Amino acid sequence: MPHLKNLNSKPAPWKEADFKAKKRGVRHTVYSVNGDEYTGEWEDNKRQGKGTYQWKSNGAIYDGDWKKGQRSGFGTYSLPDGKGSYKKEYSGGWKNDKRHGYGTRFYSPEDYYEGEWYADKRCGWGRMYYADGTIYEGEWFDDERNGEGMVRYTNENRYEGSWKNDKKNGKGKYFFLTKGQLQEGVWVDDIPKCGTMIDFNRDSAPEPTQYPIPDNELAEIATVLAEAEDRFLPEQE
């Protein structure tokens, strides 16, 4: 009877050596040639799982999830504050080494954004807090205000309506709560082009105008406004 080779025999020495050489599981700090450091989990010689990475060039630290060698999952990216500690720059979702999903980005202690991200850019719904106290809440695309949103200023006046390329564009309403007035119409690049102005909560306004706005007695006002809006709205498409 011929001798049959045992298929479950020990693997070739080079395969065993290659297996042992690959990083896997929890490892102590591994240093790159450029001086960067990584401490955490590995799989198939790639950063995978939980780990902390520090860049030598700027001292930045990322602490969080990894997948196939890239930041993916939840993690926090921080920079040195110059005082021996760190200041958080971003905390939230990551995918393929970029901010992705829901997260908070700190531009300064007073300027920060919380909301959705796509491929390292603000995209989707989000809220931006500005250093002067202004707050924008609404839609974003390609890192700019695009879509429907509301901005509230420090004096409580606010705009609600359409945005494009980070500016008021399209139909919207501007509430002059300090004066007790409401402007409704069409904006182009932050400039109101046509619309109506009426009194709005005038009795409770802190600085109302001296005289109320008179009634508009223009015949077929709706038709006139619609024709005026048509001059600008097609440009917003």
Protein backbone atom coordinates (compact mmCIF):
# COMPACT_ATOMS: atom_id res chain seq x y z
CA MET A 1 0.00 0.00 0.00
CA PRO A 2 1.41 3.45 -0.93
CA HIS A 3 2.25 5.83 1.90
CA LEU A 4 -0.18 8.77 2.16
CA LYS A 5 1.22 12.13 3.23
CA ASN A 6 -0.33 13.58 6.40
CA LEU A 7 -2.03 16.84 5.37
CA ASN A 8 -2.02 18.06 8.99
CA SER A 9 1.75 18.03 9.23
CA LYS A 10 3.64 20.97 10.71
CA PRO A 11 3.72 24.02 8.41
CA ALA A 12 6.87 25.02 6.59
CA PRO A 13 9.45 26.82 8.78
CA TRP A 14 9.20 30.06 6.79
CA LYS A 15 5.44 30.23 7.39
CA GLU A 16 5.87 29.77 11.11
CA ALA A 17 8.60 32.43 11.21
CA ASP A 18 6.42 34.83 9.25
CA PHE A 19 3.51 34.23 11.62
CA LYS A 20 5.65 34.93 14.66
CA ALA A 21 7.08 38.10 13.09
CA LYS A 22 3.69 39.75 12.59
CA LYS A 23 2.43 42.05 15.32
CA ARG A 24 -0.85 40.96 16.91
CA GLY A 25 -2.65 41.45 20.19
CA VAL A 26 -1.60 44.04 22.76
CA ARG A 27 1.95 45.29 22.28
CA HIS A 28 4.15 47.71 24.15
CA THR A 29 5.07 50.96 22.44
CA VAL A 30 6.26 50.54 18.86
CA TYR A 31 8.39 53.31 17.37
CA SER A 32 8.32 54.29 13.71
CA VAL A 33 11.41 55.38 11.80
CA ASN A 34 10.21 59.01 11.90
CA GLY A 35 9.85 58.90 15.69
CA ASP A 36 6.08 58.43 15.92
CA GLU A 37 4.87 56.12 18.69
CA TYR A 38 1.97 53.65 18.93
CA THR A 39 0.83 51.70 21.96
CA GLY A 40 -2.10 49.34 21.63
CA GLU A 41 -3.59 46.40 19.79
CA TRP A 42 -2.44 44.87 16.50
CA GLU A 43 -3.68 42.35 13.98
CA ASP A 44 -1.82 41.08 10.90
CA ASN A 45 0.89 43.69 11.44
CA LYS A 46 -1.64 46.56 11.39
CA ARG A 47 -3.04 48.74 14.15
CA GLN A 48 -6.39 47.16 15.00
CA GLY A 49 -8.63 47.65 18.04
CA LYS A 50 -7.80 50.14 20.80
CA GLY A 51 -4.62 52.17 20.71
CA THR A 52 -2.83 55.48 21.21
CA TYR A 53 -0.71 57.13 18.52
CA GLN A 54 1.60 60.12 19.05
CA TRP A 55 3.14 62.15 16.24
CA LYS A 56 6.67 63.40 16.85
CA SER A 57 6.33 66.31 14.39
CA ASN A 58 3.67 68.22 16.37
CA GLY A 59 3.21 66.16 19.54
CA ALA A 60 -0.42 65.38 18.68
CA ILE A 61 -2.08 62.33 20.21
CA TYR A 62 -4.92 60.15 18.93
CA ASP A 63 -6.53 57.79 21.42
CA GLY A 64 -9.27 55.50 20.22
CA ASP A 65 -10.32 52.82 17.74
CA TRP A 66 -8.31 51.51 14.79
CA LYS A 67 -9.16 49.31 11.85
CA LYS A 68 -6.66 47.96 9.33
CA GLY A 69 -4.06 50.53 10.35
CA GLN A 70 -6.36 53.57 10.13
CA ARG A 71 -8.38 55.56 12.63
CA SER A 72 -11.89 54.10 12.45
CA GLY A 73 -14.59 54.05 15.11
CA PHE A 74 -14.57 56.45 18.06
CA GLY A 75 -11.51 58.44 19.03
CA THR A 76 -10.09 61.71 20.34
CA TYR A 77 -7.40 63.82 18.68
CA SER A 78 -5.53 66.27 20.93
CA LEU A 79 -2.70 68.79 20.57
CA PRO A 80 -0.16 70.09 23.10
CA ASP A 81 -1.38 73.26 24.83
CA GLY A 82 2.13 74.62 25.45
CA LYS A 83 1.72 74.23 29.20
CA GLY A 84 2.68 70.60 29.57
CA SER A 85 -0.81 69.27 28.92
CA TYR A 86 -3.13 68.67 25.96
CA LYS A 87 -6.14 70.43 24.46
CA LYS A 88 -8.84 68.38 22.76
CA GLU A 89 -9.33 69.27 19.09
CA TYR A 90 -11.80 66.60 17.97
CA SER A 91 -13.72 63.82 19.66
CA GLY A 92 -16.13 61.57 17.82
CA GLY A 93 -16.45 59.23 14.86
CA TRP A 94 -13.71 58.31 12.40
CA LYS A 95 -13.55 56.30 9.20
CA ASN A 96 -10.58 55.60 6.94
CA ASP A 97 -8.39 57.99 8.97
CA LYS A 98 -10.85 60.92 8.59
CA ARG A 99 -13.51 62.52 10.78
CA HIS A 100 -16.74 60.74 9.90
CA GLY A 101 -20.09 60.34 11.65
CA TYR A 102 -21.03 62.36 14.72
CA GLY A 103 -18.39 64.36 16.52
CA THR A 104 -17.32 67.62 18.15
CA ARG A 105 -14.54 69.81 16.73
CA PHE A 106 -12.97 72.54 18.87
CA TYR A 107 -11.56 75.40 16.77
CA SER A 108 -10.90 77.44 19.90
CA PRO A 109 -12.27 77.41 23.48
CA GLU A 110 -15.23 79.51 22.27
CA ASP A 111 -15.62 78.28 18.67
CA TYR A 112 -16.77 74.69 18.32
CA TYR A 113 -18.99 72.50 16.15
CA GLU A 114 -21.02 69.48 17.17
CA GLY A 115 -22.78 67.42 14.55
CA GLU A 116 -22.29 65.19 11.55
CA TRP A 117 -19.13 64.75 9.48
CA TYR A 118 -18.34 63.14 6.16
CA ALA A 119 -14.76 62.50 4.99
CA ASP A 120 -13.23 65.15 7.28
CA LYS A 121 -15.84 67.85 6.47
CA ARG A 122 -18.94 69.11 8.25
CA CYS A 123 -21.80 67.49 6.36
CA GLY A 124 -25.37 66.78 7.48
CA TRP A 125 -26.99 68.29 10.56
CA GLY A 126 -24.89 70.26 13.01
CA ARG A 127 -24.65 73.16 15.43
CA MET A 128 -21.84 75.73 15.34
CA TYR A 129 -21.04 77.94 18.31
CA TYR A 130 -19.08 81.10 17.49
CA ALA A 131 -16.86 83.09 19.85
CA ASP A 132 -19.10 86.18 19.68
CA GLY A 133 -22.10 84.19 20.97
CA THR A 134 -23.75 83.56 17.59
CA ILE A 135 -25.18 80.05 17.09
CA TYR A 136 -26.03 78.34 13.79
CA GLU A 137 -28.12 75.19 13.79
CA GLY A 138 -29.04 73.37 10.61
CA GLU A 139 -27.71 71.63 7.53
CA TRP A 140 -24.12 71.54 6.27
CA PHE A 141 -22.44 70.35 3.10
CA ASP A 142 -18.79 70.37 2.09
CA ASP A 143 -17.83 72.15 5.35
CA GLU A 144 -20.23 75.08 4.72
CA ARG A 145 -23.77 76.00 5.73
CA ASN A 146 -25.96 74.60 2.97
CA GLY A 147 -29.66 73.74 3.12
CA GLU A 148 -32.12 74.80 5.80
CA GLY A 149 -30.89 76.38 8.98
CA MET A 150 -31.28 79.02 11.67
CA VAL A 151 -28.74 81.49 12.98
CA ARG A 152 -29.33 83.26 16.30
CA TYR A 153 -27.32 86.34 17.13
CA THR A 154 -26.26 87.60 20.56
CA ASN A 155 -29.06 90.22 20.57
CA GLU A 156 -31.60 87.36 20.00
CA ASN A 157 -32.37 88.47 16.44
CA ARG A 158 -32.42 85.44 14.16
CA TYR A 159 -32.69 84.25 10.58
CA GLU A 160 -34.54 81.08 9.56
CA GLY A 161 -34.40 79.83 6.00
CA SER A 162 -32.21 78.64 3.14
CA TRP A 163 -28.44 78.70 2.94
CA LYS A 164 -25.97 78.10 0.14
CA ASN A 165 -22.18 78.41 0.09
CA ASP A 166 -22.18 79.48 3.76
CA LYS A 167 -24.50 82.48 3.08
CA LYS A 168 -28.20 83.25 3.29
CA ASN A 169 -29.57 82.25 -0.11
CA GLY A 170 -33.19 81.63 -1.00
CA LYS A 171 -36.39 82.07 0.97
CA GLY A 172 -36.13 83.03 4.59
CA LYS A 173 -37.38 85.00 7.58
CA TYR A 174 -35.42 87.51 9.62
CA PHE A 175 -36.80 88.27 13.08
CA PHE A 176 -35.75 91.71 14.34
CA LEU A 177 -36.84 90.94 17.90
CA THR A 178 -35.03 94.01 19.26
CA LYS A 179 -37.27 96.23 17.08
CA GLY A 180 -40.38 94.06 16.98
CA GLN A 181 -40.33 93.45 13.23
CA LEU A 182 -40.30 90.50 10.84
CA GLN A 183 -38.83 90.51 7.34
CA GLU A 184 -39.82 87.69 5.00
CA GLY A 185 -38.56 87.23 1.47
CA VAL A 186 -35.62 86.14 -0.65
CA TRP A 187 -31.90 86.53 0.10
CA VAL A 188 -28.96 86.35 -2.29
CA ASP A 189 -25.47 86.03 -0.80
CA ASP A 190 -26.58 87.43 2.59
CA ILE A 191 -28.42 90.38 0.99
CA PRO A 192 -32.27 90.64 1.12
CA LYS A 193 -33.53 91.24 -2.42
CA CYS A 194 -37.30 91.31 -2.06
CA GLY A 195 -40.01 90.61 0.49
CA THR A 196 -42.23 92.14 3.14
CA MET A 197 -41.67 93.79 6.51
CA ILE A 198 -44.32 93.69 9.23
CA ASP A 199 -44.54 94.43 12.95
CA PHE A 200 -43.91 91.33 15.06
CA ASN A 201 -44.31 91.32 18.86
CA ARG A 202 -43.78 95.05 18.79
CA ASP A 203 -45.26 95.55 22.26
CA SER A 204 -42.64 93.33 23.90
CA ALA A 205 -39.62 94.54 21.88
CA PRO A 206 -36.90 96.25 23.94
CA GLU A 207 -36.25 98.96 21.31
CA PRO A 208 -39.36 99.30 19.09
CA THR A 209 -39.42 101.79 16.25
CA GLN A 210 -41.18 105.07 16.96
CA TYR A 211 -44.07 104.34 14.60
CA PRO A 212 -45.73 101.06 13.58
CA ILE A 213 -45.30 99.85 10.00
CA PRO A 214 -48.37 100.93 7.98
CA ASP A 215 -50.53 98.35 6.25
CA ASN A 216 -49.53 97.47 2.70
CA GLU A 217 -52.33 98.51 0.36
CA LEU A 218 -50.67 97.41 -2.88
CA ALA A 219 -53.13 95.62 -5.16
CA GLU A 220 -52.36 91.94 -5.78
CA ILE A 221 -49.36 92.02 -3.46
CA ALA A 222 -48.97 88.24 -3.61
CA THR A 223 -48.58 88.33 -7.40
CA VAL A 224 -46.08 91.18 -7.24
CA LEU A 225 -43.98 89.36 -4.64
CA ALA A 226 -44.09 86.09 -6.59
CA GLU A 227 -42.83 87.83 -9.73
CA ALA A 228 -40.04 89.51 -7.78
CA GLU A 229 -39.00 86.24 -6.14
CA ASP A 230 -38.87 84.48 -9.51
CA ARG A 231 -36.14 86.89 -10.57
CA PHE A 232 -33.82 85.55 -7.87
CA LEU A 233 -34.89 82.04 -6.94
CA PRO A 234 -33.79 80.37 -10.22
CA GLU A 235 -30.25 81.51 -9.42
CA GLN A 236 -30.35 79.39 -6.26
CA GLU A 237 -30.86 76.11 -8.10
